[in-house]
């Protein structure tokens, strides 16, 4: 997989809450062209994005700059997305339980359902924000269908993490990042 200068497409990623309110925006992301995807990711129709020191805008307007490079994976039919954070001690996988993504133009959107899984470089897996999910389930009146999809997404994520199934493959992620950084230096 060789990088082609200017082949990465700029994209803004926006997450929303169930009521349609803005949750968070990642301003500068770069989509890996389909022809440069690893075959295993292409076979699963994944959309893969990279960012490094991107501006992040929170719902209240607060802006900050990410300090950790990230490779994000979105699967059009899945109720989760995965962000591989390239930290000094290894890759930390932050998994959002979320609606399937939607792309229009240079924008990708999804609904964040609060519940998260984190897989650390030491192999431990932690569920986060179950209470927040419960509060928002009541506040936003998640339908039975949404609740079932979120819980099924959680089960599927745990299975993928345990099996080391895509996108939980460190070597491919490091390769994507290095290829992208090399393309920027061209």
Protein backbone atom coordinates (compact mmCIF):
# COMPACT_ATOMS: atom_id res chain seq x y z
CA UNK A 1 0.00 0.00 0.00
CA UNK A 2 1.85 3.10 -1.17
CA UNK A 3 0.63 6.58 -0.36
CA UNK A 4 -0.28 8.91 -3.17
CA UNK A 5 0.24 12.62 -2.45
CA UNK A 6 -3.01 14.50 -1.91
CA UNK A 7 -5.01 11.26 -2.03
CA UNK A 8 -6.38 11.62 1.49
CA UNK A 9 -9.74 13.36 1.65
CA UNK A 10 -10.34 15.98 4.36
CA UNK A 11 -13.33 15.29 6.58
CA UNK A 12 -15.07 16.84 9.58
CA UNK A 13 -16.46 14.34 12.10
CA UNK A 14 -19.49 15.42 14.15
CA UNK A 15 -21.15 13.50 16.94
CA UNK A 16 -24.64 14.33 18.14
CA UNK A 17 -26.85 13.28 21.02
CA UNK A 18 -30.12 11.42 20.46
CA UNK A 19 -32.12 14.67 20.59
CA UNK A 20 -30.09 16.11 17.68
CA UNK A 21 -27.95 18.44 19.79
CA UNK A 22 -24.28 18.70 18.89
CA UNK A 23 -21.96 16.72 21.14
CA UNK A 24 -18.46 17.11 19.68
CA UNK A 25 -16.66 18.03 16.42
CA UNK A 26 -13.25 16.85 15.22
CA UNK A 27 -12.25 19.47 12.67
CA UNK A 28 -9.36 17.94 10.70
CA UNK A 29 -9.51 14.28 9.76
CA UNK A 30 -8.15 12.56 6.70
CA UNK A 31 -9.94 9.62 5.09
CA UNK A 32 -7.79 6.80 3.80
CA UNK A 33 -8.73 6.18 0.16
CA UNK A 34 -10.50 2.87 -0.40
CA UNK A 35 -7.71 1.61 -2.65
CA UNK A 36 -5.20 2.10 0.19
CA UNK A 37 -7.19 0.22 2.82
CA UNK A 38 -5.87 -3.05 4.15
CA UNK A 39 -7.87 -5.83 2.42
CA UNK A 40 -9.43 -6.96 5.69
CA UNK A 41 -10.81 -3.43 6.29
CA UNK A 42 -11.90 -3.05 2.66
CA UNK A 43 -13.76 -6.37 2.87
CA UNK A 44 -15.71 -5.06 5.85
CA UNK A 45 -16.44 -1.73 4.06
CA UNK A 46 -14.76 0.26 6.84
CA UNK A 47 -14.24 3.99 6.57
CA UNK A 48 -10.87 4.81 8.13
CA UNK A 49 -9.78 8.30 9.21
CA UNK A 50 -6.59 9.70 10.69
CA UNK A 51 -5.93 12.80 12.72
CA UNK A 52 -3.11 14.27 14.76
CA UNK A 53 -3.36 17.46 16.81
CA UNK A 54 -6.80 18.25 15.44
CA UNK A 55 -9.04 20.94 16.87
CA UNK A 56 -11.94 19.50 18.86
CA UNK A 57 -15.01 21.62 19.56
CA UNK A 58 -17.25 20.63 22.48
CA UNK A 59 -21.02 21.22 22.59
CA UNK A 60 -20.63 24.42 24.61
CA UNK A 61 -18.15 25.89 22.12
CA UNK A 62 -14.98 25.11 24.09
CA UNK A 63 -12.10 24.28 21.73
CA UNK A 64 -9.00 22.26 22.40
CA UNK A 65 -6.31 20.45 20.44
CA UNK A 66 -5.91 16.66 20.64
CA UNK A 67 -2.46 15.58 21.75
CA UNK A 68 -2.63 11.95 20.64
CA UNK A 69 -2.67 10.72 17.03
CA UNK A 70 -5.77 8.70 16.21
CA UNK A 71 -6.95 6.24 13.59
CA UNK A 72 -10.76 6.01 13.61
CA UNK A 73 -12.86 3.20 12.18
CA UNK A 74 -16.48 3.56 11.12
CA UNK A 75 -18.53 0.64 9.82
CA UNK A 76 -21.68 1.68 7.96
CA UNK A 77 -23.90 -1.05 9.45
CA UNK A 78 -22.54 -1.16 13.00
CA UNK A 79 -23.78 0.53 16.18
CA UNK A 80 -20.28 1.42 17.32
CA UNK A 81 -17.10 3.07 16.14
CA UNK A 82 -13.52 2.54 17.24
CA UNK A 83 -10.80 5.13 17.79
CA UNK A 84 -7.27 3.76 18.05
CA UNK A 85 -5.21 6.25 20.07
CA UNK A 86 -1.48 5.89 19.41
CA UNK A 87 -0.01 6.48 22.84
CA UNK A 88 3.59 6.05 23.98
CA UNK A 89 2.73 2.81 25.87
CA UNK A 90 0.83 1.31 22.94
CA UNK A 91 -2.58 1.63 21.32
CA UNK A 92 -5.59 2.45 23.49
CA UNK A 93 -8.83 1.55 21.72
CA UNK A 94 -11.69 3.85 22.65
CA UNK A 95 -14.96 2.35 21.44
CA UNK A 96 -18.12 4.45 21.23
CA UNK A 97 -21.53 2.81 21.22
CA UNK A 98 -23.16 4.90 18.54
CA UNK A 99 -25.53 4.89 15.61
CA UNK A 100 -24.20 3.75 12.25
CA UNK A 101 -22.29 6.64 10.65
CA UNK A 102 -23.65 8.82 7.88
CA UNK A 103 -21.49 10.64 5.32
CA UNK A 104 -22.46 13.63 3.25
CA UNK A 105 -19.89 15.65 1.37
CA UNK A 106 -16.81 16.02 3.56
CA UNK A 107 -18.73 15.44 6.81
CA UNK A 108 -19.30 12.25 8.78
CA UNK A 109 -21.93 12.21 11.53
CA UNK A 110 -23.23 9.77 14.12
CA UNK A 111 -25.28 9.73 17.32
CA UNK A 112 -23.24 9.03 20.45
CA UNK A 113 -25.07 6.86 22.98
CA UNK A 114 -22.64 7.54 25.86
CA UNK A 115 -21.75 3.94 26.65
CA UNK A 116 -18.10 3.19 25.85
CA UNK A 117 -15.55 0.39 26.02
CA UNK A 118 -11.84 1.02 26.40
CA UNK A 119 -9.25 -1.62 25.59
CA UNK A 120 -5.84 -0.79 27.03
CA UNK A 121 -2.42 -1.91 25.74
CA UNK A 122 -2.16 -4.36 28.67
CA UNK A 123 -5.24 -6.21 27.33
CA UNK A 124 -7.67 -5.02 30.00
CA UNK A 125 -11.12 -3.87 28.87
CA UNK A 126 -13.27 -1.39 30.78
CA UNK A 127 -16.87 -0.32 30.31
CA UNK A 128 -17.43 3.40 30.85
CA UNK A 129 -20.42 5.69 31.38
CA UNK A 130 -23.16 3.12 32.08
CA UNK A 131 -24.82 5.64 34.46
CA UNK A 132 -24.72 8.40 31.84
CA UNK A 133 -26.25 6.01 29.31
CA UNK A 134 -29.03 5.20 31.80
CA UNK A 135 -29.75 8.88 32.47
CA UNK A 136 -29.85 9.75 28.79
CA UNK A 137 -31.91 6.66 27.96
CA UNK A 138 -34.63 8.13 30.19
CA UNK A 139 -34.08 11.80 29.30
CA UNK A 140 -34.03 11.28 25.54
CA UNK A 141 -36.49 8.36 25.63
CA UNK A 142 -34.40 5.89 23.66
CA UNK A 143 -36.69 3.49 21.84
CA UNK A 144 -36.56 -0.23 22.58
CA UNK A 145 -34.90 -0.71 19.16
CA UNK A 146 -32.10 1.76 20.01
CA UNK A 147 -31.52 0.10 23.38
CA UNK A 148 -31.31 -3.35 21.77
CA UNK A 149 -28.89 -2.10 19.08
CA UNK A 150 -26.63 -0.44 21.69
CA UNK A 151 -26.51 -3.58 23.87
CA UNK A 152 -25.90 -5.81 20.82
CA UNK A 153 -23.14 -3.43 19.70
CA UNK A 154 -21.54 -3.75 23.14
CA UNK A 155 -21.59 -7.56 22.91
CA UNK A 156 -20.14 -7.49 19.38
CA UNK A 157 -17.37 -5.10 20.45
CA UNK A 158 -16.38 -7.33 23.38
CA UNK A 159 -16.23 -10.32 21.02
CA UNK A 160 -14.07 -8.44 18.50
CA UNK A 161 -11.70 -7.23 21.20
CA UNK A 162 -11.35 -10.72 22.70
CA UNK A 163 -10.71 -12.25 19.27
CA UNK A 164 -8.36 -9.47 18.14
CA UNK A 165 -10.66 -9.08 15.13
CA UNK A 166 -10.59 -6.00 12.89
CA UNK A 167 -10.08 -3.21 13.59
CA UNK A 168 -8.18 -4.32 16.71
CA UNK A 169 -4.87 -4.96 14.90
CA UNK A 170 -2.02 -2.77 16.11
CA UNK A 171 0.37 -3.42 13.21
CA UNK A 172 -2.14 -2.30 10.57
CA UNK A 173 -2.94 0.84 12.56
CA UNK A 174 0.71 1.81 12.94
CA UNK A 175 1.15 1.20 9.21
CA UNK A 176 -1.77 3.51 8.34
CA UNK A 177 -0.36 6.24 10.54
CA UNK A 178 3.21 5.98 9.22
CA UNK A 179 2.00 5.88 5.61
CA UNK A 180 -0.08 9.02 6.20
CA UNK A 181 2.74 10.89 7.96
CA UNK A 182 5.13 9.98 5.13
CA UNK A 183 2.62 11.28 2.59
CA UNK A 184 2.50 14.60 4.47
CA UNK A 185 6.28 14.92 4.15
CA UNK A 186 6.18 14.54 0.34
